[in-house]
Amino acid sequence: MSTPQQPYKRVLEALREDLDTGRIRVGDKYPSVNELAAEHGVATVTARRALEKLRDEGLATSQQGVGWFVTEPPPPGPTVEEQLQQVLERLARVEQHLGLPQS
C-alpha cells in the first residue's frame, strides 16, 4: 500500500512538468499562489511551500507584491569524484608542507 503524496509535492511536480515541457520558461511569471491553490485544490500555504521549494533549488525568485518568477537553474556543482580529487590534492599539499612521506 503506497502512502499518499504530500499536497505540496503534487503542486511542485506540476510546476516542474511545466518547466520541463517549456510551458513556462526563464523570466516567466509562475501562476500566483492563489491560482495554484485553486488549480490544485490545496491551501495557499501549500502552494507557497511548493514555490519556496523551487526557490531553494534556484528555480524561482519572488518579488513582494509582484509575484514569483522562473530563474535560470544554477550550474551543476562538482561531482563527488571531483570533490574527492580536490580533497586528495589538498591532503598531498599538507603532507608535503609537513615533510611527511607522500602516500
PDB file of N, CA and C in Angstrom:
ATOM      1  N   MET A   1       0.850  -1.180   0.000  1.00  0.00           N
ATOM      2  CA  MET A   1       0.000   0.000   0.000  1.00  0.00           C
ATOM      3  C   MET A   1       0.892   1.239   0.000  1.00  0.00           C
ATOM      4  N   SER A   2       0.721   2.114  -0.976  1.00  0.00           N
ATOM      5  CA  SER A   2       1.560   3.302  -1.051  1.00  0.00           C
ATOM      6  C   SER A   2       0.982   4.413  -0.182  1.00  0.00           C
ATOM      7  N   THR A   3       1.878   5.261   0.299  1.00  0.00           N
ATOM      8  CA  THR A   3       1.434   6.378   1.119  1.00  0.00           C
ATOM      9  C   THR A   3       1.046   7.531   0.204  1.00  0.00           C
ATOM     10  N   PRO A   4       0.024   8.293   0.570  1.00  0.00           N
ATOM     11  CA  PRO A   4      -0.378   9.416  -0.274  1.00  0.00           C
ATOM     12  C   PRO A   4       0.722  10.478  -0.320  1.00  0.00           C
ATOM     13  N   GLN A   5       0.824  11.103  -1.480  1.00  0.00           N
ATOM     14  CA  GLN A   5       1.840  12.130  -1.669  1.00  0.00           C
ATOM     15  C   GLN A   5       1.426  13.411  -0.953  1.00  0.00           C
ATOM     16  N   GLN A   6       2.421  14.078  -0.363  1.00  0.00           N
ATOM     17  CA  GLN A   6       2.124  15.341   0.311  1.00  0.00           C
ATOM     18  C   GLN A   6       1.602  16.338  -0.722  1.00  0.00           C
ATOM     19  N   PRO A   7       0.592  17.134  -0.356  1.00  0.00           N
ATOM     20  CA  PRO A   7      -0.027  18.049  -1.319  1.00  0.00           C
ATOM     21  C   PRO A   7       0.964  19.010  -1.981  1.00  0.00           C
ATOM     22  N   TYR A   8       1.928  19.543  -1.226  1.00  0.00           N
ATOM     23  CA  TYR A   8       2.853  20.497  -1.841  1.00  0.00           C
ATOM     24  C   TYR A   8       3.689  19.812  -2.915  1.00  0.00           C
ATOM     25  N   LYS A   9       3.946  18.509  -2.764  1.00  0.00           N
ATOM     26  CA  LYS A   9       4.736  17.787  -3.764  1.00  0.00           C
ATOM     27  C   LYS A   9       3.962  17.617  -5.062  1.00  0.00           C
ATOM     28  N   ARG A  10       2.643  17.490  -4.968  1.00  0.00           N
ATOM     29  CA  ARG A  10       1.823  17.419  -6.185  1.00  0.00           C
ATOM     30  C   ARG A  10       1.935  18.727  -6.963  1.00  0.00           C
ATOM     31  N   VAL A  11       1.841  19.844  -6.244  1.00  0.00           N
ATOM     32  CA  VAL A  11       1.961  21.161  -6.885  1.00  0.00           C
ATOM     33  C   VAL A  11       3.366  21.317  -7.453  1.00  0.00           C
ATOM     34  N   LEU A  12       4.362  20.923  -6.683  1.00  0.00           N
ATOM     35  CA  LEU A  12       5.757  21.028  -7.112  1.00  0.00           C
ATOM     36  C   LEU A  12       6.000  20.219  -8.384  1.00  0.00           C
ATOM     37  N   GLU A  13       5.494  18.998  -8.437  1.00  0.00           N
ATOM     38  CA  GLU A  13       5.667  18.164  -9.633  1.00  0.00           C
ATOM     39  C   GLU A  13       4.991  18.783 -10.844  1.00  0.00           C
ATOM     40  N   ALA A  14       3.822  19.383 -10.645  1.00  0.00           N
ATOM     41  CA  ALA A  14       3.127  20.033 -11.759  1.00  0.00           C
ATOM     42  C   ALA A  14       3.939  21.220 -12.275  1.00  0.00           C
ATOM     43  N   LEU A  15       4.525  21.990 -11.368  1.00  0.00           N
ATOM     44  CA  LEU A  15       5.346  23.123 -11.783  1.00  0.00           C
ATOM     45  C   LEU A  15       6.613  22.650 -12.495  1.00  0.00           C
ATOM     46  N   ARG A  16       7.206  21.580 -12.001  1.00  0.00           N
ATOM     47  CA  ARG A  16       8.406  21.032 -12.659  1.00  0.00           C
ATOM     48  C   ARG A  16       8.067  20.534 -14.059  1.00  0.00           C
ATOM     49  N   GLU A  17       6.903  19.924 -14.192  1.00  0.00           N
ATOM     50  CA  GLU A  17       6.483  19.470 -15.525  1.00  0.00           C
ATOM     51  C   GLU A  17       6.320  20.664 -16.461  1.00  0.00           C
ATOM     52  N   ASP A  18       5.744  21.754 -15.958  1.00  0.00           N
ATOM     53  CA  ASP A  18       5.609  22.970 -16.767  1.00  0.00           C
ATOM     54  C   ASP A  18       6.979  23.490 -17.198  1.00  0.00           C
ATOM     55  N   LEU A  19       7.960  23.403 -16.315  1.00  0.00           N
ATOM     56  CA  LEU A  19       9.324  23.832 -16.653  1.00  0.00           C
ATOM     57  C   LEU A  19       9.946  22.887 -17.678  1.00  0.00           C
ATOM     58  N   ASP A  20       9.810  21.590 -17.434  1.00  0.00           N
ATOM     59  CA  ASP A  20      10.424  20.593 -18.315  1.00  0.00           C
ATOM     60  C   ASP A  20       9.857  20.627 -19.722  1.00  0.00           C
ATOM     61  N   THR A  21       8.578  20.917 -19.853  1.00  0.00           N
ATOM     62  CA  THR A  21       7.923  20.921 -21.163  1.00  0.00           C
ATOM     63  C   THR A  21       7.997  22.277 -21.852  1.00  0.00           C
ATOM     64  N   GLY A  22       8.501  23.290 -21.153  1.00  0.00           N
ATOM     65  CA  GLY A  22       8.611  24.613 -21.757  1.00  0.00           C
ATOM     66  C   GLY A  22       7.348  25.440 -21.681  1.00  0.00           C
ATOM     67  N   ARG A  23       6.342  24.957 -20.959  1.00  0.00           N
ATOM     68  CA  ARG A  23       5.128  25.772 -20.806  1.00  0.00           C
ATOM     69  C   ARG A  23       5.435  27.063 -20.059  1.00  0.00           C
ATOM     70  N   ILE A  24       6.389  26.995 -19.150  1.00  0.00           N
ATOM     71  CA  ILE A  24       6.911  28.214 -18.521  1.00  0.00           C
ATOM     72  C   ILE A  24       8.421  28.186 -18.677  1.00  0.00           C
ATOM     73  N   ARG A  25       8.992  29.356 -18.907  1.00  0.00           N
ATOM     74  CA  ARG A  25      10.426  29.470 -19.205  1.00  0.00           C
ATOM     75  C   ARG A  25      11.069  30.518 -18.305  1.00  0.00           C
ATOM     76  N   VAL A  26      12.390  30.533 -18.338  1.00  0.00           N
ATOM     77  CA  VAL A  26      13.142  31.508 -17.550  1.00  0.00           C
ATOM     78  C   VAL A  26      12.615  32.906 -17.852  1.00  0.00           C
ATOM     79  N   GLY A  27      12.328  33.646 -16.780  1.00  0.00           N
ATOM     80  CA  GLY A  27      11.808  35.001 -16.903  1.00  0.00           C
ATOM     81  C   GLY A  27      10.296  35.080 -16.818  1.00  0.00           C
ATOM     82  N   ASP A  28       9.616  33.962 -17.082  1.00  0.00           N
ATOM     83  CA  ASP A  28       8.153  33.948 -16.996  1.00  0.00           C
ATOM     84  C   ASP A  28       7.715  34.053 -15.537  1.00  0.00           C
ATOM     85  N   LYS A  29       6.494  34.505 -15.375  1.00  0.00           N
ATOM     86  CA  LYS A  29       5.900  34.568 -14.044  1.00  0.00           C
ATOM     87  C   LYS A  29       5.170  33.250 -13.779  1.00  0.00           C
ATOM     88  N   TYR A  30       5.420  32.673 -12.613  1.00  0.00           N
ATOM     89  CA  TYR A  30       4.664  31.494 -12.194  1.00  0.00           C
ATOM     90  C   TYR A  30       3.232  31.926 -11.915  1.00  0.00           C
ATOM     91  N   PRO A  31       2.287  30.976 -11.957  1.00  0.00           N
ATOM     92  CA  PRO A  31       0.931  31.322 -11.512  1.00  0.00           C
ATOM     93  C   PRO A  31       0.995  31.822 -10.066  1.00  0.00           C
ATOM     94  N   SER A  32       0.057  32.661  -9.699  1.00  0.00           N
ATOM     95  CA  SER A  32       0.037  33.195  -8.335  1.00  0.00           C
ATOM     96  C   SER A  32      -0.233  32.075  -7.341  1.00  0.00           C
ATOM     97  N   VAL A  33       0.091  32.338  -6.100  1.00  0.00           N
ATOM     98  CA  VAL A  33      -0.170  31.373  -5.034  1.00  0.00           C
ATOM     99  C   VAL A  33      -1.658  31.029  -5.016  1.00  0.00           C
ATOM    100  N   ASN A  34      -2.513  32.037  -5.136  1.00  0.00           N
ATOM    101  CA  ASN A  34      -3.962  31.801  -5.136  1.00  0.00           C
ATOM    102  C   ASN A  34      -4.393  30.953  -6.330  1.00  0.00           C
ATOM    103  N   GLU A  35      -3.818  31.222  -7.513  1.00  0.00           N
ATOM    104  CA  GLU A  35      -4.149  30.435  -8.700  1.00  0.00           C
ATOM    105  C   GLU A  35      -3.711  28.983  -8.534  1.00  0.00           C
ATOM    106  N   LEU A  36      -2.490  28.778  -8.028  1.00  0.00           N
ATOM    107  CA  LEU A  36      -2.003  27.415  -7.814  1.00  0.00           C
ATOM    108  C   LEU A  36      -2.868  26.670  -6.811  1.00  0.00           C
ATOM    109  N   ALA A  37      -3.240  27.361  -5.727  1.00  0.00           N
ATOM    110  CA  ALA A  37      -4.073  26.737  -4.697  1.00  0.00           C
ATOM    111  C   ALA A  37      -5.415  26.313  -5.280  1.00  0.00           C
ATOM    112  N   ALA A  38      -6.039  27.184  -6.058  1.00  0.00           N
ATOM    113  CA  ALA A  38      -7.339  26.860  -6.654  1.00  0.00           C
ATOM    114  C   ALA A  38      -7.213  25.738  -7.681  1.00  0.00           C
ATOM    115  N   GLU A  39      -6.175  25.804  -8.510  1.00  0.00           N
ATOM    116  CA  GLU A  39      -5.986  24.800  -9.570  1.00  0.00           C
ATOM    117  C   GLU A  39      -5.762  23.401  -9.002  1.00  0.00           C
ATOM    118  N   HIS A  40      -5.040  23.320  -7.889  1.00  0.00           N
ATOM    119  CA  HIS A  40      -4.669  22.021  -7.329  1.00  0.00           C
ATOM    120  C   HIS A  40      -5.496  21.633  -6.098  1.00  0.00           C
ATOM    121  N   GLY A  41      -6.434  22.488  -5.710  1.00  0.00           N
ATOM    122  CA  GLY A  41      -7.292  22.168  -4.582  1.00  0.00           C
ATOM    123  C   GLY A  41      -6.552  22.071  -3.261  1.00  0.00           C
ATOM    124  N   VAL A  42      -5.592  22.981  -3.070  1.00  0.00           N
ATOM    125  CA  VAL A  42      -4.798  22.991  -1.839  1.00  0.00           C
ATOM    126  C   VAL A  42      -4.892  24.367  -1.192  1.00  0.00           C
ATOM    127  N   ALA A  43      -4.412  24.458   0.032  1.00  0.00           N
ATOM    128  CA  ALA A  43      -4.366  25.744   0.730  1.00  0.00           C
ATOM    129  C   ALA A  43      -3.270  26.621   0.126  1.00  0.00           C
ATOM    130  N   THR A  44      -3.425  27.928   0.284  1.00  0.00           N
ATOM    131  CA  THR A  44      -2.404  28.840  -0.248  1.00  0.00           C
ATOM    132  C   THR A  44      -1.042  28.593   0.395  1.00  0.00           C
ATOM    133  N   VAL A  45      -1.021  28.221   1.662  1.00  0.00           N
ATOM    134  CA  VAL A  45       0.256  27.944   2.325  1.00  0.00           C
ATOM    135  C   VAL A  45       0.945  26.750   1.658  1.00  0.00           C
ATOM    136  N   THR A  46       0.166  25.802   1.177  1.00  0.00           N
ATOM    137  CA  THR A  46       0.709  24.630   0.491  1.00  0.00           C
ATOM    138  C   THR A  46       1.295  25.033  -0.864  1.00  0.00           C
ATOM    139  N   ALA A  47       0.571  25.857  -1.607  1.00  0.00           N
ATOM    140  CA  ALA A  47       1.065  26.335  -2.903  1.00  0.00           C
ATOM    141  C   ALA A  47       2.336  27.151  -2.712  1.00  0.00           C
ATOM    142  N   ARG A  48       2.352  27.986  -1.681  1.00  0.00           N
ATOM    143  CA  ARG A  48       3.540  28.799  -1.395  1.00  0.00           C
ATOM    144  C   ARG A  48       4.737  27.903  -1.065  1.00  0.00           C
ATOM    145  N   ARG A  49       4.482  26.821  -0.340  1.00  0.00           N
ATOM    146  CA  ARG A  49       5.569  25.901   0.017  1.00  0.00           C
ATOM    147  C   ARG A  49       6.218  25.303  -1.234  1.00  0.00           C
ATOM    148  N   ALA A  50       5.412  24.972  -2.237  1.00  0.00           N
ATOM    149  CA  ALA A  50       5.957  24.434  -3.488  1.00  0.00           C
ATOM    150  C   ALA A  50       6.846  25.468  -4.175  1.00  0.00           C
ATOM    151  N   LEU A  51       6.389  26.713  -4.220  1.00  0.00           N
ATOM    152  CA  LEU A  51       7.203  27.775  -4.828  1.00  0.00           C
ATOM    153  C   LEU A  51       8.474  28.030  -4.025  1.00  0.00           C
ATOM    154  N   GLU A  52       8.380  27.963  -2.714  1.00  0.00           N
ATOM    155  CA  GLU A  52       9.566  28.151  -1.874  1.00  0.00           C
ATOM    156  C   GLU A  52      10.580  27.036  -2.098  1.00  0.00           C
ATOM    157  N   LYS A  53      10.098  25.826  -2.335  1.00  0.00           N
ATOM    158  CA  LYS A  53      10.996  24.711  -2.635  1.00  0.00           C
ATOM    159  C   LYS A  53      11.730  24.968  -3.948  1.00  0.00           C
ATOM    160  N   LEU A  54      11.022  25.472  -4.948  1.00  0.00           N
ATOM    161  CA  LEU A  54      11.672  25.832  -6.213  1.00  0.00           C
ATOM    162  C   LEU A  54      12.689  26.945  -5.998  1.00  0.00           C
ATOM    163  N   ARG A  55      12.359  27.890  -5.131  1.00  0.00           N
ATOM    164  CA  ARG A  55      13.317  28.958  -4.813  1.00  0.00           C
ATOM    165  C   ARG A  55      14.561  28.371  -4.172  1.00  0.00           C
ATOM    166  N   ASP A  56      14.383  27.439  -3.245  1.00  0.00           N
ATOM    167  CA  ASP A  56      15.520  26.811  -2.576  1.00  0.00           C
ATOM    168  C   ASP A  56      16.414  26.059  -3.569  1.00  0.00           C
ATOM    169  N   GLU A  57      15.809  25.585  -4.653  1.00  0.00           N
ATOM    170  CA  GLU A  57      16.558  24.868  -5.690  1.00  0.00           C
ATOM    171  C   GLU A  57      17.130  25.813  -6.747  1.00  0.00           C
ATOM    172  N   GLY A  58      16.882  27.109  -6.586  1.00  0.00           N
ATOM    173  CA  GLY A  58      17.396  28.086  -7.540  1.00  0.00           C
ATOM    174  C   GLY A  58      16.561  28.212  -8.797  1.00  0.00           C
ATOM    175  N   LEU A  59      15.317  27.774  -8.757  1.00  0.00           N
ATOM    176  CA  LEU A  59      14.454  27.800  -9.939  1.00  0.00           C
ATOM    177  C   LEU A  59      13.353  28.844  -9.858  1.00  0.00           C
ATOM    178  N   ALA A  60      13.342  29.633  -8.786  1.00  0.00           N
ATOM    179  CA  ALA A  60      12.302  30.650  -8.630  1.00  0.00           C
ATOM    180  C   ALA A  60      12.822  31.776  -7.752  1.00  0.00           C
ATOM    181  N   THR A  61      12.279  32.936  -7.998  1.00  0.00           N
ATOM    182  CA  THR A  61      12.529  34.087  -7.136  1.00  0.00           C
ATOM    183  C   THR A  61      11.206  34.823  -6.979  1.00  0.00           C
ATOM    184  N   SER A  62      11.065  35.519  -5.865  1.00  0.00           N
ATOM    185  CA  SER A  62       9.822  36.259  -5.656  1.00  0.00           C
ATOM    186  C   SER A  62      10.124  37.738  -5.490  1.00  0.00           C
ATOM    187  N   GLN A  63       9.165  38.532  -5.929  1.00  0.00           N
ATOM    188  CA  GLN A  63       9.216  39.971  -5.726  1.00  0.00           C
ATOM    189  C   GLN A  63       7.939  40.345  -4.998  1.00  0.00           C
ATOM    190  N   GLN A  64       8.111  40.867  -3.792  1.00  0.00           N
ATOM    191  CA  GLN A  64       6.949  41.173  -2.970  1.00  0.00           C
ATOM    192  C   GLN A  64       5.980  42.087  -3.713  1.00  0.00           C
ATOM    193  N   GLY A  65       4.728  41.675  -3.715  1.00  0.00           N
ATOM    194  CA  GLY A  65       3.682  42.456  -4.365  1.00  0.00           C
ATOM    195  C   GLY A  65       3.618  42.265  -5.870  1.00  0.00           C
ATOM    196  N   VAL A  66       4.563  41.528  -6.441  1.00  0.00           N
ATOM    197  CA  VAL A  66       4.595  41.326  -7.892  1.00  0.00           C
ATOM    198  C   VAL A  66       4.321  39.871  -8.235  1.00  0.00           C
ATOM    199  N   GLY A  67       5.037  38.949  -7.581  1.00  0.00           N
ATOM    200  CA  GLY A  67       4.820  37.534  -7.837  1.00  0.00           C
ATOM    201  C   GLY A  67       6.110  36.737  -7.865  1.00  0.00           C
ATOM    202  N   TRP A  68       5.983  35.505  -8.335  1.00  0.00           N
ATOM    203  CA  TRP A  68       7.089  34.559  -8.428  1.00  0.00           C
ATOM    204  C   TRP A  68       7.504  34.425  -9.883  1.00  0.00           C
ATOM    205  N   PHE A  69       8.825  34.349 -10.113  1.00  0.00           N
ATOM    206  CA  PHE A  69       9.350  34.279 -11.465  1.00  0.00           C
ATOM    207  C   PHE A  69      10.313  33.115 -11.611  1.00  0.00           C
ATOM    208  N   VAL A  70      10.337  32.554 -12.829  1.00  0.00           N
ATOM    209  CA  VAL A  70      11.242  31.452 -13.147  1.00  0.00           C
ATOM    210  C   VAL A  70      12.651  32.009 -13.298  1.00  0.00           C
ATOM    211  N   THR A  71      13.602  31.378 -12.634  1.00  0.00           N
ATOM    212  CA  THR A  71      15.008  31.784 -12.750  1.00  0.00           C
ATOM    213  C   THR A  71      15.814  30.687 -13.437  1.00  0.00           C
ATOM    214  N   GLU A  72      16.970  31.071 -13.918  1.00  0.00           N
ATOM    215  CA  GLU A  72      17.895  30.134 -14.562  1.00  0.00           C
ATOM    216  C   GLU A  72      18.379  29.130 -13.529  1.00  0.00           C
ATOM    217  N   PRO A  73      18.340  27.844 -13.850  1.00  0.00           N
ATOM    218  CA  PRO A  73      18.843  26.863 -12.879  1.00  0.00           C
ATOM    219  C   PRO A  73      20.321  27.104 -12.603  1.00  0.00           C
ATOM    220  N   PRO A  74      20.744  26.862 -11.371  1.00  0.00           N
ATOM    221  CA  PRO A  74      22.159  27.056 -11.058  1.00  0.00           C
ATOM    222  C   PRO A  74      23.009  26.029 -11.801  1.00  0.00           C
ATOM    223  N   PRO A  75      24.256  26.390 -12.101  1.00  0.00           N
ATOM    224  CA  PRO A  75      25.118  25.416 -12.767  1.00  0.00           C
ATOM    225  C   PRO A  75      25.388  24.249 -11.822  1.00  0.00           C
ATOM    226  N   PRO A  76      25.579  23.071 -12.394  1.00  0.00           N
ATOM    227  CA  PRO A  76      25.849  21.928 -11.517  1.00  0.00           C
ATOM    228  C   PRO A  76      27.177  22.101 -10.798  1.00  0.00           C
ATOM    229  N   GLY A  77      27.210  21.647  -9.574  1.00  0.00           N
ATOM    230  CA  GLY A  77      28.440  21.709  -8.795  1.00  0.00           C
ATOM    231  C   GLY A  77      29.367  20.577  -9.187  1.00  0.00           C
ATOM    232  N   PRO A  78      30.522  20.532  -8.550  1.00  0.00           N
ATOM    233  CA  PRO A  78      31.456  19.457  -8.868  1.00  0.00           C
ATOM    234  C   PRO A  78      30.869  18.094  -8.474  1.00  0.00           C
ATOM    235  N   THR A  79      31.257  17.076  -9.230  1.00  0.00           N
ATOM    236  CA  THR A  79      30.804  15.727  -8.916  1.00  0.00           C
ATOM    237  C   THR A  79      31.497  15.248  -7.646  1.00  0.00           C
ATOM    238  N   VAL A  80      31.016  14.163  -7.097  1.00  0.00           N
ATOM    239  CA  VAL A  80      31.625  13.586  -5.904  1.00  0.00           C
ATOM    240  C   VAL A  80      33.084  13.219  -6.205  1.00  0.00           C
ATOM    241  N   GLU A  81      33.314  12.683  -7.397  1.00  0.00           N
ATOM    242  CA  GLU A  81      34.678  12.308  -7.777  1.00  0.00           C
ATOM    243  C   GLU A  81      35.590  13.536  -7.825  1.00  0.00           C
ATOM    244  N   GLU A  82      35.078  14.634  -8.379  1.00  0.00           N
ATOM    245  CA  GLU A  82      35.869  15.868  -8.444  1.00  0.00           C
ATOM    246  C   GLU A  82      36.148  16.410  -7.043  1.00  0.00           C
ATOM    247  N   GLN A  83      35.151  16.347  -6.173  1.00  0.00           N
ATOM    248  CA  GLN A  83      35.347  16.804  -4.802  1.00  0.00           C
ATOM    249  C   GLN A  83      36.403  15.953  -4.094  1.00  0.00           C
ATOM    250  N   LEU A  84      36.337  14.645  -4.280  1.00  0.00           N
ATOM    251  CA  LEU A  84      37.312  13.749  -3.671  1.00  0.00           C
ATOM    252  C   LEU A  84      38.708  14.047  -4.195  1.00  0.00           C
ATOM    253  N   GLN A  85      38.836  14.275  -5.485  1.00  0.00           N
ATOM    254  CA  GLN A  85      40.140  14.600  -6.071  1.00  0.00           C
ATOM    255  C   GLN A  85      40.694  15.887  -5.456  1.00  0.00           C
ATOM    256  N   GLN A  86      39.843  16.878  -5.254  1.00  0.00           N
ATOM    257  CA  GLN A  86      40.288  18.130  -4.637  1.00  0.00           C
ATOM    258  C   GLN A  86      40.776  17.887  -3.214  1.00  0.00           C
ATOM    259  N   VAL A  87      40.072  17.060  -2.459  1.00  0.00           N
ATOM    260  CA  VAL A  87      40.483  16.749  -1.086  1.00  0.00           C
ATOM    261  C   VAL A  87      41.823  16.035  -1.092  1.00  0.00           C
ATOM    262  N   LEU A  88      42.003  15.071  -1.986  1.00  0.00           N
ATOM    263  CA  LEU A  88      43.265  14.337  -2.059  1.00  0.00           C
ATOM    264  C   LEU A  88      44.425  15.259  -2.436  1.00  0.00           C
ATOM    265  N   GLU A  89      44.173  16.192  -3.335  1.00  0.00           N
ATOM    266  CA  GLU A  89      45.213  17.145  -3.720  1.00  0.00           C
ATOM    267  C   GLU A  89      45.598  18.039  -2.542  1.00  0.00           C
ATOM    268  N   ARG A  90      44.610  18.484  -1.775  1.00  0.00           N
ATOM    269  CA  ARG A  90      44.903  19.299  -0.590  1.00  0.00           C
ATOM    270  C   ARG A  90      45.680  18.497   0.442  1.00  0.00           C
ATOM    271  N   LEU A  91      45.303  17.248   0.627  1.00  0.00           N
ATOM    272  CA  LEU A  91      45.999  16.379   1.567  1.00  0.00           C
ATOM    273  C   LEU A  91      47.455  16.197   1.150  1.00  0.00           C
ATOM    274  N   ALA A  92      47.699  16.016  -0.122  1.00  0.00           N
ATOM    275  CA  ALA A  92      49.071  15.864  -0.617  1.00  0.00           C
ATOM    276  C   ALA A  92      49.884  17.125  -0.352  1.00  0.00           C
ATOM    277  N   ARG A  93      49.258  18.300  -0.520  1.00  0.00           N
ATOM    278  CA  ARG A  93      49.975  19.559  -0.250  1.00  0.00           C
ATOM    279  C   ARG A  93      50.308  19.686   1.241  1.00  0.00           C
ATOM    280  N   VAL A  94      49.372  19.278   2.103  1.00  0.00           N
ATOM    281  CA  VAL A  94      49.617  19.328   3.549  1.00  0.00           C
ATOM    282  C   VAL A  94      50.744  18.370   3.916  1.00  0.00           C
ATOM    283  N   GLU A  95      50.712  17.168   3.377  1.00  0.00           N
ATOM    284  CA  GLU A  95      51.780  16.190   3.639  1.00  0.00           C
ATOM    285  C   GLU A  95      53.121  16.757   3.221  1.00  0.00           C
ATOM    286  N   GLN A  96      53.157  17.365   2.038  1.00  0.00           N
ATOM    287  CA  GLN A  96      54.409  17.942   1.542  1.00  0.00           C
ATOM    288  C   GLN A  96      54.868  19.084   2.432  1.00  0.00           C
ATOM    289  N   HIS A  97      53.955  19.930   2.854  1.00  0.00           N
ATOM    290  CA  HIS A  97      54.280  21.059   3.718  1.00  0.00           C
ATOM    291  C   HIS A  97      54.853  20.594   5.059  1.00  0.00           C
ATOM    292  N   LEU A  98      54.314  19.489   5.566  1.00  0.00           N
ATOM    293  CA  LEU A  98      54.759  18.961   6.847  1.00  0.00           C
ATOM    294  C   LEU A  98      55.997  18.065   6.718  1.00  0.00           C
ATOM    295  N   GLY A  99      56.409  17.808   5.484  1.00  0.00           N
ATOM    296  CA  GLY A  99      57.574  16.967   5.272  1.00  0.00           C
ATOM    297  C   GLY A  99      57.286  15.487   5.492  1.00  0.00           C
ATOM    298  N   LEU A 100      56.051  15.109   5.382  1.00  0.00           N
ATOM    299  CA  LEU A 100      55.684  13.702   5.561  1.00  0.00           C
ATOM    300  C   LEU A 100      55.860  12.954   4.246  1.00  0.00           C
ATOM    301  N   PRO A 101      56.143  11.664   4.329  1.00  0.00           N
ATOM    302  CA  PRO A 101      56.223  10.900   3.084  1.00  0.00           C
ATOM    303  C   PRO A 101      54.859  10.905   2.411  1.00  0.00           C
ATOM    304  N   GLN A 102      54.879  11.114   1.118  1.00  0.00           N
ATOM    305  CA  GLN A 102      53.616  11.216   0.392  1.00  0.00           C
ATOM    306  C   GLN A 102      53.024   9.841   0.144  1.00  0.00           C
ATOM    307  N   SER A 103      51.726   9.778   0.269  1.00  0.00           N
ATOM    308  CA  SER A 103      51.044   8.487   0.095  1.00  0.00           C
ATOM    309  C   SER A 103      50.704   8.216  -1.337  1.00  0.00           C
TER     310      SER A 103
END
